[in-house]
Amino acid sequence: MADRRFTIQTEPRGTNTTKTTAPTNVVRDDLQAPVAGTGPSLAIAATAAATTIPERRQSVFRRLSMSMGSRKSSMLPLSNQPRPNTYRMEPDNEYRFRPYRVQPKVLEVLMDRLKDKTYDAATVNELVKDVSRNVHQLMKNFQMPRYKIIVQTVIGQRFGQLLRIASRCLWDPKTDNMISVNYETKDMVAVVTVYAVYLE
């Protein structure tokens, strides 16, 4: 019995007439299943198998054309994504960390937050967090792109004792810098240290 899988023609349905003829030298794996009969049902299966690849290509090209033609391209980074590397080893001169600009502003924050406060061991943790949060928010107002800002706040009770705070950092002295601001009230002493480290 002759193999009739590659010479199947569909019958006209309505106004559309479709002919499907596969090449005689190609054998498809999805058409290898045994078929009991011939006619329109087999032709519809062959037509569906033959048209899946072009539809997939059309949908890919449609998505590419829509994304390329839109005003907000998906290739541009969003505001909440990290900035791309600039491969600059040093910041621009106008965007460097200037301690003389930052130090008086940090002192104003300390005076505003601590001028009427008294030392209380139960609430000093919240006070430290509040001061650190306000200083960090203040540092965001300065335009220093690609700088990492670290704020360290120490608040202690004042008894006339000697207080020493030491820190050691590994950084580049040409680009990185720090400030330390002290503020004292009648029963409390506060030291805020701000580190600015350039991110290459």
N, C-alpha and C. Protein backbone atom coordinates (compact mmCIF):
# COMPACT_ATOMS: atom_id res chain seq x y z
N MET A 1 0.85 -1.19 0.00
CA MET A 1 0.00 0.00 0.00
C MET A 1 0.89 1.24 0.00
N ALA A 2 0.59 2.19 -0.85
CA ALA A 2 1.45 3.36 -1.00
C ALA A 2 1.28 4.30 0.19
N ASP A 3 2.37 5.01 0.53
CA ASP A 3 2.34 5.96 1.63
C ASP A 3 1.68 7.24 1.14
N ARG A 4 0.53 7.60 1.71
CA ARG A 4 -0.26 8.72 1.22
C ARG A 4 -0.16 9.94 2.14
N ARG A 5 0.77 9.95 3.10
CA ARG A 5 0.83 11.05 4.05
C ARG A 5 1.26 12.37 3.42
N PHE A 6 2.06 12.32 2.36
CA PHE A 6 2.62 13.54 1.80
C PHE A 6 1.85 14.04 0.59
N THR A 7 0.76 13.42 0.24
CA THR A 7 -0.03 13.88 -0.91
C THR A 7 -1.47 14.09 -0.50
N ILE A 8 -1.67 14.74 0.63
CA ILE A 8 -3.01 14.95 1.18
C ILE A 8 -3.49 16.33 0.77
N GLN A 9 -4.71 16.43 0.35
CA GLN A 9 -5.32 17.69 0.00
C GLN A 9 -6.58 17.86 0.84
N THR A 10 -6.82 19.09 1.25
CA THR A 10 -8.01 19.33 2.07
C THR A 10 -9.19 19.63 1.17
N GLU A 11 -10.34 19.35 1.68
CA GLU A 11 -11.57 19.66 0.95
C GLU A 11 -11.95 21.11 1.22
N PRO A 12 -12.61 21.74 0.29
CA PRO A 12 -12.99 23.15 0.52
C PRO A 12 -13.99 23.26 1.66
N ARG A 13 -13.76 24.26 2.53
CA ARG A 13 -14.67 24.55 3.64
C ARG A 13 -15.07 26.00 3.52
N GLY A 14 -16.30 26.24 3.25
CA GLY A 14 -16.78 27.61 3.09
C GLY A 14 -16.19 28.24 1.84
N THR A 15 -15.50 29.38 2.03
CA THR A 15 -14.92 30.07 0.88
C THR A 15 -13.43 29.86 0.79
N ASN A 16 -12.78 29.28 1.80
CA ASN A 16 -11.34 29.10 1.79
C ASN A 16 -10.99 27.69 1.36
N THR A 17 -10.02 27.56 0.50
CA THR A 17 -9.52 26.26 0.07
C THR A 17 -8.04 26.22 0.36
N THR A 18 -7.59 25.19 1.07
CA THR A 18 -6.20 25.09 1.48
C THR A 18 -5.62 23.80 0.96
N LYS A 19 -4.41 23.87 0.38
CA LYS A 19 -3.68 22.68 -0.04
C LYS A 19 -2.42 22.60 0.78
N THR A 20 -2.15 21.43 1.30
CA THR A 20 -0.95 21.22 2.10
C THR A 20 -0.19 20.05 1.52
N THR A 21 1.04 20.30 1.12
CA THR A 21 1.88 19.24 0.56
C THR A 21 3.25 19.36 1.18
N ALA A 22 3.67 18.36 1.88
CA ALA A 22 4.99 18.37 2.51
C ALA A 22 6.00 17.82 1.53
N PRO A 23 7.30 18.18 1.65
CA PRO A 23 8.30 17.61 0.74
C PRO A 23 8.43 16.11 0.94
N THR A 24 8.76 15.41 -0.14
CA THR A 24 8.78 13.95 -0.11
C THR A 24 10.04 13.41 0.53
N ASN A 25 11.10 14.23 0.66
CA ASN A 25 12.36 13.70 1.21
C ASN A 25 12.53 13.99 2.69
N VAL A 26 11.55 14.63 3.36
CA VAL A 26 11.64 14.96 4.78
C VAL A 26 10.62 14.12 5.54
N VAL A 27 11.07 13.50 6.62
CA VAL A 27 10.17 12.71 7.47
C VAL A 27 10.13 13.39 8.82
N ARG A 28 8.95 13.80 9.27
CA ARG A 28 8.79 14.48 10.55
C ARG A 28 8.46 13.48 11.63
N ASP A 29 8.99 13.74 12.82
CA ASP A 29 8.72 12.83 13.94
C ASP A 29 7.30 12.94 14.45
N ASP A 30 6.70 14.14 14.37
CA ASP A 30 5.36 14.30 14.92
C ASP A 30 4.28 13.73 14.00
N LEU A 31 4.65 13.38 12.76
CA LEU A 31 3.69 12.77 11.85
C LEU A 31 3.87 11.26 11.75
N GLN A 32 4.74 10.69 12.57
CA GLN A 32 5.02 9.28 12.50
C GLN A 32 4.00 8.42 13.24
N ALA A 33 3.08 9.05 13.97
CA ALA A 33 2.09 8.26 14.70
C ALA A 33 1.16 7.58 13.70
N PRO A 34 0.72 6.37 13.97
CA PRO A 34 -0.16 5.67 13.03
C PRO A 34 -1.48 6.39 12.90
N VAL A 35 -1.93 6.55 11.67
CA VAL A 35 -3.17 7.24 11.37
C VAL A 35 -4.12 6.22 10.78
N ALA A 36 -5.31 6.14 11.34
CA ALA A 36 -6.27 5.13 10.90
C ALA A 36 -6.91 5.53 9.59
N GLY A 37 -7.25 6.79 9.43
CA GLY A 37 -7.95 7.19 8.22
C GLY A 37 -7.27 8.36 7.56
N THR A 38 -7.83 8.77 6.46
CA THR A 38 -7.31 9.92 5.73
C THR A 38 -8.45 10.89 5.54
N GLY A 39 -8.14 12.05 5.04
CA GLY A 39 -9.19 13.02 4.78
C GLY A 39 -8.93 14.32 5.49
N PRO A 40 -9.99 15.08 5.77
CA PRO A 40 -9.81 16.42 6.31
C PRO A 40 -9.17 16.45 7.68
N SER A 41 -9.43 15.47 8.57
CA SER A 41 -8.86 15.51 9.92
C SER A 41 -7.35 15.40 9.87
N LEU A 42 -6.80 14.56 9.02
CA LEU A 42 -5.35 14.44 8.89
C LEU A 42 -4.78 15.70 8.25
N ALA A 43 -5.47 16.29 7.33
CA ALA A 43 -4.99 17.51 6.68
C ALA A 43 -4.96 18.67 7.65
N ILE A 44 -5.95 18.74 8.55
CA ILE A 44 -5.95 19.82 9.55
C ILE A 44 -4.77 19.67 10.50
N ALA A 45 -4.45 18.45 10.92
CA ALA A 45 -3.29 18.23 11.79
C ALA A 45 -2.01 18.60 11.09
N ALA A 46 -1.89 18.26 9.80
CA ALA A 46 -0.68 18.61 9.05
C ALA A 46 -0.57 20.11 8.86
N THR A 47 -1.70 20.78 8.64
CA THR A 47 -1.68 22.24 8.48
C THR A 47 -1.27 22.92 9.78
N ALA A 48 -1.79 22.46 10.92
CA ALA A 48 -1.43 23.05 12.21
C ALA A 48 0.04 22.85 12.51
N ALA A 49 0.59 21.67 12.20
CA ALA A 49 2.00 21.42 12.46
C ALA A 49 2.87 22.27 11.56
N ALA A 50 2.40 22.55 10.33
CA ALA A 50 3.21 23.33 9.40
C ALA A 50 3.17 24.81 9.71
N THR A 51 2.15 25.31 10.38
CA THR A 51 2.02 26.75 10.61
C THR A 51 2.42 27.20 12.00
N THR A 52 2.88 26.34 12.90
CA THR A 52 3.25 26.78 14.25
C THR A 52 4.53 27.60 14.25
N ILE A 53 5.48 27.26 13.46
CA ILE A 53 6.76 27.97 13.47
C ILE A 53 6.62 29.39 12.95
N PRO A 54 5.93 29.64 11.80
CA PRO A 54 5.79 31.04 11.37
C PRO A 54 5.03 31.90 12.36
N GLU A 55 4.01 31.38 13.04
CA GLU A 55 3.27 32.18 14.04
C GLU A 55 4.18 32.55 15.20
N ARG A 56 5.02 31.61 15.62
CA ARG A 56 5.95 31.90 16.71
C ARG A 56 6.92 33.01 16.31
N ARG A 57 7.41 32.94 15.07
CA ARG A 57 8.32 33.98 14.60
C ARG A 57 7.62 35.33 14.52
N GLN A 58 6.37 35.34 14.06
CA GLN A 58 5.65 36.60 13.98
C GLN A 58 5.45 37.20 15.36
N SER A 59 5.14 36.38 16.36
CA SER A 59 4.93 36.93 17.70
C SER A 59 6.23 37.49 18.27
N VAL A 60 7.38 36.82 17.97
CA VAL A 60 8.66 37.34 18.45
C VAL A 60 8.97 38.66 17.79
N PHE A 61 8.78 38.75 16.47
CA PHE A 61 9.04 40.01 15.77
C PHE A 61 8.08 41.11 16.22
N ARG A 62 6.84 40.75 16.52
CA ARG A 62 5.88 41.74 16.99
C ARG A 62 6.30 42.29 18.34
N ARG A 63 6.76 41.40 19.25
CA ARG A 63 7.21 41.87 20.56
C ARG A 63 8.46 42.75 20.44
N LEU A 64 9.39 42.36 19.55
CA LEU A 64 10.60 43.17 19.37
C LEU A 64 10.26 44.54 18.81
N SER A 65 9.37 44.60 17.83
CA SER A 65 9.03 45.88 17.24
C SER A 65 8.29 46.76 18.24
N MET A 66 7.45 46.15 19.10
CA MET A 66 6.74 46.94 20.09
C MET A 66 7.69 47.49 21.14
N SER A 67 8.67 46.67 21.56
CA SER A 67 9.60 47.15 22.59
C SER A 67 10.57 48.17 22.03
N MET A 68 10.96 48.03 20.76
CA MET A 68 11.88 49.01 20.18
C MET A 68 11.17 50.32 19.87
N GLY A 69 9.87 50.25 19.55
CA GLY A 69 9.15 51.46 19.19
C GLY A 69 8.58 52.21 20.36
N SER A 70 8.55 51.62 21.54
CA SER A 70 7.97 52.30 22.69
C SER A 70 8.91 53.37 23.20
N ARG A 71 8.33 54.38 23.86
CA ARG A 71 9.15 55.47 24.35
C ARG A 71 10.00 55.06 25.52
N LYS A 72 9.43 54.25 26.41
CA LYS A 72 10.18 53.75 27.55
C LYS A 72 10.75 52.40 27.18
N SER A 73 11.98 52.38 26.77
CA SER A 73 12.58 51.12 26.34
C SER A 73 12.93 50.28 27.54
N SER A 74 12.83 48.98 27.39
CA SER A 74 13.16 48.08 28.49
C SER A 74 14.66 47.96 28.70
N MET A 75 15.46 48.49 27.74
CA MET A 75 16.92 48.39 27.89
C MET A 75 17.48 49.47 28.81
N LEU A 76 16.74 50.56 29.04
CA LEU A 76 17.23 51.62 29.90
C LEU A 76 17.05 51.22 31.36
N PRO A 77 18.04 51.50 32.23
CA PRO A 77 17.90 51.13 33.64
C PRO A 77 16.87 52.00 34.33
N LEU A 78 16.11 51.41 35.24
CA LEU A 78 15.12 52.14 36.02
C LEU A 78 15.81 52.89 37.14
N SER A 79 15.06 53.76 37.80
CA SER A 79 15.67 54.60 38.83
C SER A 79 16.07 53.79 40.06
N ASN A 80 15.37 52.68 40.33
CA ASN A 80 15.71 51.90 41.51
C ASN A 80 16.79 50.86 41.24
N GLN A 81 17.24 50.73 40.01
CA GLN A 81 18.30 49.79 39.69
C GLN A 81 19.65 50.45 39.93
N PRO A 82 20.69 49.67 40.21
CA PRO A 82 22.02 50.27 40.43
C PRO A 82 22.55 50.91 39.16
N ARG A 83 23.33 51.97 39.33
CA ARG A 83 23.88 52.68 38.19
C ARG A 83 24.96 51.84 37.51
N PRO A 84 25.12 51.99 36.21
CA PRO A 84 26.17 51.22 35.52
C PRO A 84 27.55 51.75 35.86
N ASN A 85 28.55 50.94 35.64
CA ASN A 85 29.92 51.32 35.93
C ASN A 85 30.38 52.42 34.98
N THR A 86 31.11 53.38 35.50
CA THR A 86 31.68 54.44 34.67
C THR A 86 33.18 54.25 34.45
N TYR A 87 33.78 53.33 35.19
CA TYR A 87 35.21 53.02 35.07
C TYR A 87 36.07 54.25 35.35
N ARG A 88 35.61 55.10 36.27
CA ARG A 88 36.40 56.24 36.70
C ARG A 88 37.03 55.90 38.03
N MET A 89 38.29 56.13 38.14
CA MET A 89 39.00 55.81 39.37
C MET A 89 38.91 56.93 40.40
N GLU A 90 38.55 58.14 39.95
CA GLU A 90 38.42 59.27 40.86
C GLU A 90 37.16 60.04 40.51
N PRO A 91 36.53 60.69 41.48
CA PRO A 91 35.34 61.49 41.18
C PRO A 91 35.72 62.80 40.49
N ASP A 92 34.73 63.41 39.85
CA ASP A 92 34.95 64.75 39.30
C ASP A 92 35.22 65.73 40.43
N ASN A 93 35.90 66.79 40.11
CA ASN A 93 36.31 67.75 41.14
C ASN A 93 35.11 68.41 41.82
N GLU A 94 34.02 68.63 41.09
CA GLU A 94 32.86 69.29 41.69
C GLU A 94 32.04 68.35 42.56
N TYR A 95 32.23 67.03 42.44
CA TYR A 95 31.45 66.07 43.21
C TYR A 95 32.25 65.40 44.33
N ARG A 96 33.35 65.97 44.71
CA ARG A 96 34.15 65.40 45.79
C ARG A 96 33.50 65.70 47.15
N PHE A 97 33.86 64.87 48.12
CA PHE A 97 33.37 65.07 49.49
C PHE A 97 34.15 66.22 50.12
N ARG A 98 33.43 67.27 50.51
CA ARG A 98 34.05 68.45 51.10
C ARG A 98 33.69 68.50 52.59
N PRO A 99 34.64 68.21 53.48
CA PRO A 99 34.32 68.20 54.92
C PRO A 99 33.89 69.55 55.46
N TYR A 100 34.43 70.63 54.95
CA TYR A 100 34.08 71.96 55.48
C TYR A 100 32.64 72.34 55.14
N ARG A 101 32.05 71.73 54.12
CA ARG A 101 30.65 71.99 53.81
C ARG A 101 29.71 71.15 54.67
N VAL A 102 30.13 69.95 54.99
CA VAL A 102 29.26 69.00 55.68
C VAL A 102 29.27 69.22 57.19
N GLN A 103 30.40 69.57 57.75
CA GLN A 103 30.55 69.63 59.20
C GLN A 103 29.57 70.60 59.88
N PRO A 104 29.38 71.84 59.39
CA PRO A 104 28.41 72.72 60.07
C PRO A 104 26.98 72.23 59.98
N LYS A 105 26.63 71.55 58.88
CA LYS A 105 25.26 71.03 58.74
C LYS A 105 25.00 69.88 59.72
N VAL A 106 26.01 69.03 59.92
CA VAL A 106 25.86 67.94 60.89
C VAL A 106 25.74 68.50 62.30
N LEU A 107 26.50 69.55 62.61
CA LEU A 107 26.41 70.18 63.92
C LEU A 107 25.02 70.78 64.15
N GLU A 108 24.41 71.35 63.10
CA GLU A 108 23.05 71.87 63.22
C GLU A 108 22.05 70.76 63.53
N VAL A 109 22.23 69.60 62.90
CA VAL A 109 21.33 68.47 63.18
C VAL A 109 21.47 68.03 64.63
N LEU A 110 22.71 67.95 65.12
CA LEU A 110 22.94 67.55 66.52
C LEU A 110 22.32 68.56 67.49
N MET A 111 22.49 69.84 67.23
CA MET A 111 21.93 70.86 68.12
C MET A 111 20.40 70.81 68.10
N ASP A 112 19.82 70.57 66.94
CA ASP A 112 18.37 70.52 66.84
C ASP A 112 17.79 69.31 67.57
N ARG A 113 18.47 68.17 67.50
CA ARG A 113 17.93 66.95 68.08
C ARG A 113 18.26 66.77 69.56
N LEU A 114 19.33 67.39 70.05
CA LEU A 114 19.79 67.11 71.42
C LEU A 114 19.75 68.31 72.37
N LYS A 115 19.29 69.47 71.92
CA LYS A 115 19.43 70.65 72.78
C LYS A 115 18.57 70.58 74.04
N ASP A 116 17.41 69.94 73.98
CA ASP A 116 16.52 69.87 75.14
C ASP A 116 16.43 68.47 75.73
N LYS A 117 17.33 67.59 75.35
CA LYS A 117 17.26 66.20 75.80
C LYS A 117 18.14 65.99 77.02
N THR A 118 17.71 65.04 77.84
CA THR A 118 18.53 64.57 78.96
C THR A 118 18.83 63.10 78.74
N TYR A 119 19.92 62.64 79.32
CA TYR A 119 20.34 61.25 79.11
C TYR A 119 19.40 60.32 79.86
N ASP A 120 18.87 59.34 79.12
CA ASP A 120 18.02 58.31 79.69
C ASP A 120 18.44 56.99 79.07
N ALA A 121 18.86 56.07 79.91
CA ALA A 121 19.37 54.79 79.39
C ALA A 121 18.30 53.98 78.66
N ALA A 122 17.04 54.21 78.98
CA ALA A 122 15.96 53.45 78.34
C ALA A 122 15.66 53.95 76.94
N THR A 123 15.87 55.22 76.65
CA THR A 123 15.51 55.80 75.35
C THR A 123 16.70 56.25 74.53
N VAL A 124 17.92 56.01 75.02
CA VAL A 124 19.09 56.51 74.28
C VAL A 124 19.28 55.75 72.96
N ASN A 125 18.84 54.50 72.88
CA ASN A 125 18.97 53.76 71.62
C ASN A 125 18.14 54.40 70.51
N GLU A 126 16.91 54.80 70.84
CA GLU A 126 16.07 55.45 69.84
C GLU A 126 16.64 56.82 69.46
N LEU A 127 17.27 57.49 70.41
CA LEU A 127 17.88 58.79 70.12
C LEU A 127 19.07 58.64 69.17
N VAL A 128 19.87 57.60 69.39
CA VAL A 128 21.00 57.34 68.49
C VAL A 128 20.51 57.05 67.07
N LYS A 129 19.46 56.24 66.96
CA LYS A 129 18.92 55.92 65.63
C LYS A 129 18.35 57.16 64.96
N ASP A 130 17.70 58.01 65.74
CA ASP A 130 17.12 59.22 65.17
C ASP A 130 18.19 60.16 64.64
N VAL A 131 19.25 60.35 65.41
CA VAL A 131 20.34 61.23 64.98
C VAL A 131 21.02 60.66 63.73
N SER A 132 21.29 59.36 63.73
CA SER A 132 21.95 58.75 62.57
C SER A 132 21.08 58.85 61.33
N ARG A 133 19.77 58.64 61.49
CA ARG A 133 18.85 58.73 60.35
C ARG A 133 18.81 60.15 59.78
N ASN A 134 18.79 61.16 60.65
CA ASN A 134 18.74 62.54 60.18
C ASN A 134 20.04 62.97 59.51
N VAL A 135 21.17 62.53 60.04
CA VAL A 135 22.45 62.86 59.41
C VAL A 135 22.57 62.17 58.05
N HIS A 136 22.11 60.94 57.98
CA HIS A 136 22.16 60.23 56.70
C HIS A 136 21.26 60.89 55.67
N GLN A 137 20.09 61.35 56.10
CA GLN A 137 19.19 62.07 55.19
C GLN A 137 19.81 63.39 54.75
N LEU A 138 20.52 64.04 55.65
CA LEU A 138 21.21 65.28 55.30
C LEU A 138 22.27 65.03 54.24
N MET A 139 22.99 63.92 54.35
CA MET A 139 24.05 63.62 53.39
C MET A 139 23.50 63.33 52.00
N LYS A 140 22.26 62.90 51.92
CA LYS A 140 21.66 62.67 50.60
C LYS A 140 21.40 63.97 49.85
N ASN A 141 21.31 65.09 50.58
CA ASN A 141 21.07 66.37 49.92
C ASN A 141 22.31 66.88 49.20
N PHE A 142 23.48 66.47 49.63
CA PHE A 142 24.71 66.84 48.94
C PHE A 142 24.87 65.97 47.70
N GLN A 143 25.28 66.58 46.61
CA GLN A 143 25.46 65.83 45.37
C GLN A 143 26.84 65.17 45.38
N MET A 144 26.84 63.90 45.74
CA MET A 144 28.08 63.13 45.74
C MET A 144 27.81 61.77 45.11
N PRO A 145 27.70 61.70 43.80
CA PRO A 145 27.43 60.40 43.18
C PRO A 145 28.58 59.45 43.36
N ARG A 146 28.25 58.17 43.47
CA ARG A 146 29.21 57.08 43.60
C ARG A 146 29.99 57.13 44.92
N TYR A 147 29.44 57.79 45.93
CA TYR A 147 30.04 57.77 47.27
C TYR A 147 29.16 56.93 48.18
N LYS A 148 29.79 56.09 48.98
CA LYS A 148 29.08 55.37 50.03
C LYS A 148 29.26 56.14 51.33
N ILE A 149 28.13 56.40 51.99
CA ILE A 149 28.13 57.20 53.20
C ILE A 149 27.87 56.29 54.39
N ILE A 150 28.74 56.37 55.40
CA ILE A 150 28.60 55.59 56.63
C ILE A 150 28.52 56.58 57.79
N VAL A 151 27.47 56.46 58.60
CA VAL A 151 27.26 57.36 59.73
C VAL A 151 27.34 56.55 61.01
N GLN A 152 28.20 56.99 61.93
CA GLN A 152 28.36 56.32 63.22
C GLN A 152 28.09 57.36 64.32
N THR A 153 27.17 57.04 65.22
CA THR A 153 26.78 57.96 66.29
C THR A 153 27.02 57.31 67.65
N VAL A 154 27.66 58.04 68.54
CA VAL A 154 27.91 57.58 69.90
C VAL A 154 27.37 58.64 70.86
N ILE A 155 26.49 58.21 71.76
CA ILE A 155 25.95 59.12 72.78
C ILE A 155 26.21 58.50 74.15
N GLY A 156 26.83 59.26 75.03
CA GLY A 156 27.16 58.75 76.37
C GLY A 156 26.77 59.76 77.43
N GLN A 157 26.67 59.25 78.65
CA GLN A 157 26.33 60.12 79.77
C GLN A 157 27.58 60.86 80.22
N ARG A 158 27.42 62.10 80.60
CA ARG A 158 28.56 62.96 80.93
C ARG A 158 28.77 62.99 82.45
N PHE A 159 29.99 62.55 82.86
CA PHE A 159 30.38 62.58 84.27
C PHE A 159 31.71 63.30 84.46
N GLY A 160 32.15 64.03 83.45
CA GLY A 160 33.47 64.65 83.53
C GLY A 160 34.58 63.69 83.20
N GLN A 161 34.27 62.55 82.64
CA GLN A 161 35.29 61.57 82.31
C GLN A 161 35.89 61.84 80.93
N LEU A 162 36.98 61.17 80.64
CA LEU A 162 37.65 61.27 79.35
C LEU A 162 37.02 60.25 78.41
N LEU A 163 36.69 60.67 77.20
CA LEU A 163 36.07 59.80 76.21
C LEU A 163 36.93 59.81 74.96
N ARG A 164 37.35 58.63 74.54
CA ARG A 164 38.12 58.51 73.30
C ARG A 164 37.43 57.53 72.37
N ILE A 165 37.26 57.92 71.13
CA ILE A 165 36.67 57.07 70.10
C ILE A 165 37.67 56.97 68.97
N ALA A 166 38.06 55.77 68.64
CA ALA A 166 39.06 55.55 67.59
C ALA A 166 38.46 54.69 66.49
N SER A 167 38.93 54.91 65.29
CA SER A 167 38.49 54.10 64.14
C SER A 167 39.67 53.96 63.18
N ARG A 168 39.63 52.87 62.45
CA ARG A 168 40.68 52.61 61.47
C ARG A 168 40.02 52.12 60.19
N CYS A 169 40.40 52.71 59.07
CA CYS A 169 39.78 52.38 57.79
C CYS A 169 40.86 52.13 56.74
N LEU A 170 40.52 51.31 55.79
CA LEU A 170 41.37 51.06 54.64
C LEU A 170 40.72 51.74 53.45
N TRP A 171 41.33 52.82 52.97
CA TRP A 171 40.74 53.56 51.87
C TRP A 171 41.80 54.30 51.08
N ASP A 172 41.34 55.02 50.07
CA ASP A 172 42.22 55.81 49.22
C ASP A 172 42.21 57.25 49.73
N PRO A 173 43.30 57.77 50.22
CA PRO A 173 43.28 59.14 50.78
C PRO A 173 43.03 60.22 49.74
N LYS A 174 43.19 59.93 48.46
CA LYS A 174 42.94 60.93 47.43
C LYS A 174 41.45 61.16 47.20
N THR A 175 40.63 60.14 47.43
CA THR A 175 39.20 60.26 47.12
C THR A 175 38.31 60.15 48.36
N ASP A 176 38.73 59.44 49.39
CA ASP A 176 37.89 59.19 50.56
C ASP A 176 38.24 60.15 51.68
N ASN A 177 37.24 60.41 52.53
CA ASN A 177 37.45 61.35 53.62
C ASN A 177 36.43 61.09 54.71
N MET A 178 36.55 61.80 55.82
CA MET A 178 35.63 61.65 56.95
C MET A 178 35.59 62.93 57.75
N ILE A 179 34.53 63.05 58.57
CA ILE A 179 34.42 64.16 59.50
C ILE A 179 33.96 63.60 60.84
N SER A 180 34.28 64.32 61.90
CA SER A 180 33.84 63.95 63.24
C SER A 180 33.34 65.22 63.93
N VAL A 181 32.10 65.14 64.45
CA VAL A 181 31.46 66.30 65.07
C VAL A 181 31.11 65.95 66.50
N ASN A 182 31.51 66.81 67.47
CA ASN A 182 31.21 66.61 68.88
C ASN A 182 30.17 67.64 69.33
N TYR A 183 29.28 67.19 70.20
CA TYR A 183 28.29 68.10 70.78
C TYR A 183 28.04 67.66 72.21
N GLU A 184 28.03 68.64 73.15
CA GLU A 184 27.86 68.34 74.57
C GLU A 184 26.70 69.14 75.13
N THR A 185 25.93 68.48 75.98
CA THR A 185 24.90 69.15 76.77
C THR A 185 25.31 69.04 78.24
N LYS A 186 24.43 69.40 79.15
CA LYS A 186 24.81 69.40 80.57
C LYS A 186 25.03 67.99 81.12
N ASP A 187 24.37 66.98 80.57
CA ASP A 187 24.57 65.62 81.09
C ASP A 187 24.78 64.59 79.98
N MET A 188 25.13 65.04 78.76
CA MET A 188 25.23 64.11 77.66
C MET A 188 26.30 64.60 76.68
N VAL A 189 26.99 63.65 76.07
CA VAL A 189 27.98 63.97 75.03
C VAL A 189 27.66 63.09 73.82
N ALA A 190 27.75 63.69 72.64
CA ALA A 190 27.45 62.97 71.40
C ALA A 190 28.58 63.19 70.40
N VAL A 191 28.96 62.13 69.73
CA VAL A 191 30.00 62.18 68.70
C VAL A 191 29.44 61.50 67.45
N VAL A 192 29.39 62.25 66.36
CA VAL A 192 28.92 61.72 65.07
C VAL A 192 30.09 61.70 64.11
N THR A 193 30.35 60.55 63.53
CA THR A 193 31.41 60.38 62.54
C THR A 193 30.78 59.97 61.22
N VAL A 194 31.14 60.69 60.17
CA VAL A 194 30.62 60.43 58.83
C VAL A 194 31.79 60.06 57.94
N TYR A 195 31.70 58.88 57.33
CA TYR A 195 32.72 58.40 56.39
C TYR A 195 32.14 58.48 54.98
N ALA A 196 32.94 58.98 54.05
CA ALA A 196 32.55 59.03 52.65
C ALA A 196 33.60 58.25 51.85
N VAL A 197 33.18 57.13 51.28
CA VAL A 197 34.09 56.23 50.56
C VAL A 197 33.64 56.20 49.10
N TYR A 198 34.57 56.52 48.22
CA TYR A 198 34.25 56.56 46.79
C TYR A 198 34.17 55.13 46.25
N LEU A 199 33.09 54.88 45.51
CA LEU A 199 32.86 53.56 44.92
C LEU A 199 33.31 53.60 43.49
N GLU A 200 34.38 52.85 43.17
CA GLU A 200 34.91 52.87 41.81
C GLU A 200 33.99 52.12 40.86
